[in-house]
Amino acid sequence: MLLRFTGFAILFLSVFGGFVLAGGRLLSLWQPPEIIIILGAAVGAFVISNPVTVQKMTLTHLKYVLIKNKEFDKNFFMDLLALMFRLIETRQRKGVNAIEDDIEMPESSKLFQSYQRIISHPRLIYFITDNLRITGMGSMPGHAFEGLMESEIETLEDDLKRPAKSLHSIADACPGFGIVAAVMGIVVTMGAMDGPVELIGVKIAAALVGTFLGILLCYGVFGPLAAALESTEQSELLAFECVKMTLLASHSGLAPITAVDSGRRLLYKELRPTFSEMEDMLQSLKASL
């Protein structure tokens, strides 16, 4: 989060600082009508072009980007690996029925509730529990089970990418909205042509601010935020891939710690615990089971 705000600070200081160094006055850039036209049009277009679900998803992912920047961090994946280990280990030692209540009602399961960061993502919980039911049946071949999960993840990937795509669309539209604001400013200027030359100059400058703001919002604000959303969405998708590989390894008969390690290997460098870190955590969990 701090890094992104630092980036925005560098961006705005460079743009507006350079403007001031060139002899410009910051107050001349404060044009509320232009700001209302561009931002209002951007928000309106966003609401028109996206269903309520995507709007809520976009706001949620923006919260992850701007406020809770550590949502999908190394600790999150450590918790996910620990949860998967406990589920697989308990089932292997005590049988399928030992985790049946946990799978059927994860919202009231002490096991799931021990990992609040995981339980706060219902889609991930449903993915885990639904596929654990299938492995508990023990009748589906490994290749069929893998294909089933891959199809589900493909759908999830398309779904997770919708917020970033919607924000990219708004970013692409902002220069156009800036032109709209500029044209409307020129219309206002044409109506004041019989006035003082100084007034005409001020109105033309105000109109040009609309073009400037549209381009700045596109390449300096909404575009980078959309890219940040893509990064967050990819990290969330890794959680599903990690679960898939862990369940596949367990379904093929590997030991729980080996199965969990199979999921760990899919994670990006900055998100992946070392084998020693994971082993120490899982050994302590195993001792408590």
Protein backbone atom coordinates (compact mmCIF):
# COMPACT_ATOMS: atom_id res chain seq x y z
CA MET A 1 0.00 0.00 0.00
CA LEU A 2 2.76 2.46 0.95
CA LEU A 3 4.59 1.68 -2.29
CA ARG A 4 1.53 2.52 -4.40
CA PHE A 5 0.88 5.77 -2.57
CA THR A 6 4.55 6.61 -3.05
CA GLY A 7 4.09 5.98 -6.77
CA PHE A 8 1.09 8.29 -6.90
CA ALA A 9 3.05 10.94 -4.98
CA ILE A 10 5.91 10.73 -7.48
CA LEU A 11 3.43 10.91 -10.37
CA PHE A 12 1.57 14.00 -9.16
CA LEU A 13 4.68 15.80 -7.90
CA SER A 14 6.37 15.28 -11.26
CA VAL A 15 3.39 16.43 -13.30
CA PHE A 16 2.29 19.40 -11.21
CA GLY A 17 5.82 20.26 -10.05
CA GLY A 18 6.98 20.44 -13.65
CA PHE A 19 3.99 22.63 -14.47
CA VAL A 20 4.92 25.05 -11.68
CA LEU A 21 8.59 25.08 -12.74
CA ALA A 22 7.48 25.99 -16.25
CA GLY A 23 5.78 29.07 -14.82
CA GLY A 24 2.25 27.72 -14.49
CA ARG A 25 -0.10 28.45 -11.62
CA LEU A 26 -1.64 25.44 -9.89
CA LEU A 27 -4.86 27.36 -9.21
CA SER A 28 -5.48 27.59 -12.95
CA LEU A 29 -5.79 23.78 -13.06
CA TRP A 30 -8.58 23.79 -10.51
CA GLN A 31 -11.60 23.62 -12.80
CA PRO A 32 -14.52 21.94 -10.95
CA PRO A 33 -16.82 21.86 -14.02
CA GLU A 34 -14.23 19.94 -16.03
CA ILE A 35 -13.58 17.55 -13.13
CA ILE A 36 -17.32 16.91 -12.67
CA ILE A 37 -17.82 16.21 -16.39
CA ILE A 38 -14.92 13.75 -16.66
CA LEU A 39 -15.30 11.89 -13.38
CA GLY A 40 -19.09 11.90 -13.58
CA ALA A 41 -19.00 10.50 -17.10
CA ALA A 42 -16.44 7.86 -16.06
CA VAL A 43 -18.51 6.72 -13.08
CA GLY A 44 -21.72 6.74 -15.15
CA ALA A 45 -20.12 4.69 -17.92
CA PHE A 46 -18.78 2.23 -15.33
CA VAL A 47 -22.25 1.76 -13.82
CA ILE A 48 -23.90 1.39 -17.24
CA SER A 49 -21.40 -1.13 -18.62
CA ASN A 50 -21.01 -3.41 -15.60
CA PRO A 51 -23.50 -5.47 -13.57
CA VAL A 52 -23.76 -4.88 -9.83
CA THR A 53 -21.66 -7.99 -9.14
CA VAL A 54 -18.70 -6.61 -11.11
CA GLN A 55 -19.09 -3.19 -9.48
CA LYS A 56 -18.86 -4.78 -6.03
CA MET A 57 -15.92 -6.96 -7.09
CA THR A 58 -14.10 -3.90 -8.42
CA LEU A 59 -14.57 -2.00 -5.16
CA THR A 60 -13.43 -5.04 -3.17
CA HIS A 61 -10.26 -5.47 -5.24
CA LEU A 62 -9.55 -1.73 -5.06
CA LYS A 63 -9.73 -2.13 -1.28
CA TYR A 64 -7.11 -4.88 -1.51
CA VAL A 65 -4.92 -2.64 -3.69
CA LEU A 66 -5.23 0.65 -1.80
CA ILE A 67 -6.10 -0.30 1.78
CA LYS A 68 -5.38 -3.99 2.46
CA ASN A 69 -2.35 -4.41 0.25
CA LYS A 70 -1.28 -7.55 2.13
CA GLU A 71 -4.44 -9.56 1.48
CA PHE A 72 -2.76 -12.22 -0.67
CA ASP A 73 0.70 -12.27 0.85
CA LYS A 74 3.04 -14.99 2.06
CA ASN A 75 1.18 -15.36 5.36
CA PHE A 76 -2.10 -15.88 3.51
CA PHE A 77 -0.61 -18.79 1.57
CA MET A 78 1.01 -20.19 4.71
CA ASP A 79 -2.47 -20.31 6.24
CA LEU A 80 -3.86 -21.92 3.11
CA LEU A 81 -1.18 -24.62 3.10
CA ALA A 82 -1.75 -25.24 6.81
CA LEU A 83 -5.50 -25.60 6.29
CA MET A 84 -5.05 -28.04 3.41
CA PHE A 85 -2.57 -30.08 5.42
CA ARG A 86 -4.92 -30.36 8.40
CA LEU A 87 -7.81 -31.44 6.20
CA ILE A 88 -5.79 -34.06 4.29
CA GLU A 89 -3.91 -35.34 7.33
CA THR A 90 -7.09 -35.68 9.42
CA ARG A 91 -8.87 -37.52 6.62
CA GLN A 92 -5.93 -39.87 6.09
CA ARG A 93 -5.55 -40.71 9.78
CA LYS A 94 -9.19 -40.81 10.87
CA GLY A 95 -11.11 -41.44 7.67
CA VAL A 96 -13.40 -39.41 5.42
CA ASN A 97 -16.09 -39.03 8.07
CA ALA A 98 -13.66 -37.15 10.34
CA ILE A 99 -13.87 -34.01 8.20
CA GLU A 100 -17.41 -34.47 6.88
CA ASP A 101 -18.92 -31.88 9.24
CA ASP A 102 -16.12 -29.43 8.45
CA ILE A 103 -16.76 -29.77 4.72
CA GLU A 104 -20.55 -29.57 4.98
CA MET A 105 -20.59 -26.52 7.30
CA PRO A 106 -17.28 -24.65 7.02
CA GLU A 107 -18.86 -21.49 8.44
CA SER A 108 -19.32 -23.26 11.79
CA SER A 109 -16.24 -25.49 11.60
CA LYS A 110 -13.58 -24.83 14.23
CA LEU A 111 -10.97 -26.02 11.76
CA PHE A 112 -11.96 -23.52 9.07
CA GLN A 113 -12.64 -20.75 11.57
CA SER A 114 -9.02 -21.07 12.73
CA TYR A 115 -8.04 -19.44 9.43
CA GLN A 116 -10.03 -16.22 9.24
CA ARG A 117 -8.15 -14.87 6.24
CA ILE A 118 -9.12 -17.97 4.26
CA ILE A 119 -12.71 -18.19 5.48
CA SER A 120 -13.27 -14.58 4.34
CA HIS A 121 -13.04 -15.79 0.72
CA PRO A 122 -16.20 -17.88 0.17
CA ARG A 123 -15.35 -18.91 -3.40
CA LEU A 124 -12.07 -20.40 -2.26
CA ILE A 125 -13.80 -22.22 0.60
CA TYR A 126 -16.43 -23.63 -1.77
CA PHE A 127 -13.69 -24.75 -4.16
CA ILE A 128 -11.90 -26.58 -1.33
CA THR A 129 -15.00 -28.22 0.16
CA ASP A 130 -16.62 -29.19 -3.16
CA ASN A 131 -13.49 -30.90 -4.42
CA LEU A 132 -12.79 -32.58 -1.08
CA ARG A 133 -16.23 -34.19 -1.38
CA ILE A 134 -15.23 -35.60 -4.76
CA THR A 135 -11.93 -36.98 -3.47
CA GLY A 136 -13.79 -38.48 -0.52
CA MET A 137 -15.91 -40.51 -2.91
CA GLY A 138 -12.75 -42.07 -4.29
CA SER A 139 -14.36 -43.17 -7.55
CA MET A 140 -13.16 -40.50 -9.98
CA PRO A 141 -9.95 -41.14 -11.98
CA GLY A 142 -7.15 -38.63 -11.45
CA HIS A 143 -7.23 -37.25 -15.01
CA ALA A 144 -10.99 -36.68 -14.83
CA PHE A 145 -10.64 -34.97 -11.45
CA GLU A 146 -7.89 -32.72 -12.81
CA GLY A 147 -9.97 -31.79 -15.86
CA LEU A 148 -12.93 -30.94 -13.64
CA MET A 149 -10.89 -28.58 -11.48
CA GLU A 150 -9.16 -27.01 -14.48
CA SER A 151 -12.52 -26.20 -16.07
CA GLU A 152 -13.71 -24.61 -12.85
CA ILE A 153 -10.52 -22.55 -12.50
CA GLU A 154 -10.82 -21.34 -16.10
CA THR A 155 -14.29 -20.01 -15.29
CA LEU A 156 -12.99 -18.48 -12.06
CA GLU A 157 -10.16 -16.80 -13.96
CA ASP A 158 -12.58 -15.19 -16.40
CA ASP A 159 -14.69 -14.03 -13.48
CA LEU A 160 -11.75 -12.65 -11.49
CA LYS A 161 -10.49 -10.67 -14.49
CA ARG A 162 -13.73 -8.73 -14.92
CA PRO A 163 -12.91 -5.92 -12.45
CA ALA A 164 -9.55 -5.16 -14.09
CA LYS A 165 -11.14 -5.24 -17.56
CA SER A 166 -13.86 -2.85 -16.45
CA LEU A 167 -11.31 -0.42 -15.02
CA HIS A 168 -9.20 -0.67 -18.19
CA SER A 169 -12.29 0.27 -20.19
CA ILE A 170 -12.85 3.37 -18.06
CA ALA A 171 -9.18 4.30 -18.37
CA ASP A 172 -9.42 4.04 -22.16
CA ALA A 173 -12.54 6.22 -22.14
CA CYS A 174 -11.10 9.04 -20.01
CA PRO A 175 -9.23 10.82 -22.87
CA GLY A 176 -12.53 10.85 -24.77
CA PHE A 177 -14.36 12.30 -21.79
CA GLY A 178 -11.56 14.88 -21.54
CA ILE A 179 -12.25 15.89 -25.13
CA VAL A 180 -15.97 16.13 -24.34
CA ALA A 181 -15.17 18.45 -21.43
CA ALA A 182 -12.84 20.51 -23.65
CA VAL A 183 -15.45 20.85 -26.42
CA MET A 184 -18.07 21.94 -23.92
CA GLY A 185 -15.58 24.48 -22.59
CA ILE A 186 -15.04 25.80 -26.11
CA VAL A 187 -18.82 26.11 -26.52
CA VAL A 188 -18.90 28.22 -23.37
CA THR A 189 -15.98 30.26 -24.72
CA MET A 190 -17.81 30.91 -28.01
CA GLY A 191 -20.66 32.37 -26.02
CA ALA A 192 -18.27 34.86 -24.43
CA MET A 193 -16.52 36.03 -27.62
CA ASP A 194 -17.86 39.55 -27.20
CA GLY A 195 -16.24 39.80 -23.78
CA PRO A 196 -12.73 40.91 -22.72
CA VAL A 197 -9.79 39.13 -24.34
CA GLU A 198 -8.50 38.11 -20.90
CA LEU A 199 -11.80 36.32 -20.14
CA ILE A 200 -11.66 34.43 -23.41
CA GLY A 201 -8.12 33.30 -22.65
CA VAL A 202 -9.16 32.05 -19.21
CA LYS A 203 -12.08 30.06 -20.66
CA ILE A 204 -9.92 28.47 -23.37
CA ALA A 205 -7.37 27.49 -20.72
CA ALA A 206 -10.16 25.96 -18.63
CA ALA A 207 -11.31 23.94 -21.65
CA LEU A 208 -7.80 22.63 -22.26
CA VAL A 209 -7.61 21.49 -18.63
CA GLY A 210 -10.35 18.98 -19.51
CA THR A 211 -8.14 17.34 -22.13
CA PHE A 212 -5.24 17.32 -19.70
CA LEU A 213 -7.25 15.73 -16.89
CA GLY A 214 -8.69 13.05 -19.18
CA ILE A 215 -5.25 11.94 -20.30
CA LEU A 216 -3.81 12.11 -16.77
CA LEU A 217 -6.63 10.01 -15.33
CA CYS A 218 -6.19 7.45 -18.11
CA TYR A 219 -2.44 6.90 -17.97
CA GLY A 220 -1.71 8.09 -14.43
CA VAL A 221 -4.61 6.82 -12.31
CA PHE A 222 -7.11 4.35 -13.77
CA GLY A 223 -4.64 2.55 -16.03
CA PRO A 224 -2.13 1.81 -13.23
CA LEU A 225 -4.96 0.86 -10.86
CA ALA A 226 -6.29 -1.61 -13.43
CA ALA A 227 -2.82 -3.14 -13.72
CA ALA A 228 -2.62 -3.38 -9.92
CA LEU A 229 -6.00 -5.13 -9.90
CA GLU A 230 -4.68 -7.66 -12.41
CA SER A 231 -1.77 -8.44 -10.09
CA THR A 232 -4.11 -8.93 -7.12
CA GLU A 233 -6.46 -11.07 -9.17
CA GLN A 234 -3.55 -13.25 -10.31
CA SER A 235 -2.47 -13.75 -6.68
CA GLU A 236 -6.01 -14.78 -5.77
CA LEU A 237 -6.09 -17.19 -8.70
CA LEU A 238 -2.86 -18.76 -7.42
CA ALA A 239 -4.75 -19.81 -4.30
CA PHE A 240 -7.09 -21.95 -6.42
CA GLU A 241 -4.18 -23.39 -8.38
CA CYS A 242 -2.40 -24.22 -5.12
CA VAL A 243 -5.46 -26.05 -3.80
CA LYS A 244 -5.91 -27.90 -7.10
CA MET A 245 -2.35 -29.21 -7.13
CA THR A 246 -2.51 -30.19 -3.46
CA LEU A 247 -5.74 -32.14 -3.93
CA LEU A 248 -4.44 -33.83 -7.09
CA ALA A 249 -1.28 -34.93 -5.30
CA SER A 250 -3.31 -36.24 -2.36
CA HIS A 251 -5.78 -37.98 -4.70
CA SER A 252 -2.87 -39.80 -6.35
CA GLY A 253 -1.80 -41.21 -2.97
CA LEU A 254 1.04 -38.92 -1.90
CA ALA A 255 1.64 -38.21 1.80
CA PRO A 256 -0.04 -35.02 3.13
CA ILE A 257 3.22 -33.09 3.53
CA THR A 258 4.26 -34.04 -0.02
CA ALA A 259 0.84 -33.10 -1.37
CA VAL A 260 0.99 -29.70 0.30
CA ASP A 261 4.50 -29.18 -1.02
CA SER A 262 3.16 -29.78 -4.54
CA GLY A 263 0.84 -26.83 -4.04
CA ARG A 264 3.60 -24.68 -2.53
CA ARG A 265 5.76 -25.06 -5.63
CA LEU A 266 3.20 -23.22 -7.77
CA LEU A 267 3.48 -19.98 -5.82
CA TYR A 268 5.46 -16.94 -6.91
CA LYS A 269 8.81 -16.35 -5.24
CA GLU A 270 7.58 -13.55 -2.98
CA LEU A 271 4.56 -15.59 -1.88
CA ARG A 272 6.15 -19.02 -1.51
CA PRO A 273 7.43 -20.18 1.89
CA THR A 274 10.65 -22.17 1.82
CA PHE A 275 10.40 -25.91 2.30
CA SER A 276 11.98 -25.57 5.75
CA GLU A 277 9.44 -22.92 6.79
CA MET A 278 6.59 -25.07 5.57
CA GLU A 279 7.97 -28.24 7.13
CA ASP A 280 8.43 -26.61 10.54
CA MET A 281 4.86 -25.30 10.43
CA LEU A 282 3.35 -28.60 9.32
CA GLN A 283 5.32 -30.67 11.83
CA SER A 284 3.99 -28.52 14.66
CA LEU A 285 0.48 -28.89 13.26
CA LYS A 286 0.89 -32.65 12.95
CA ALA A 287 1.97 -32.91 16.56
CA SER A 288 -1.20 -31.11 17.67
CA LEU A 289 -3.59 -33.30 15.68
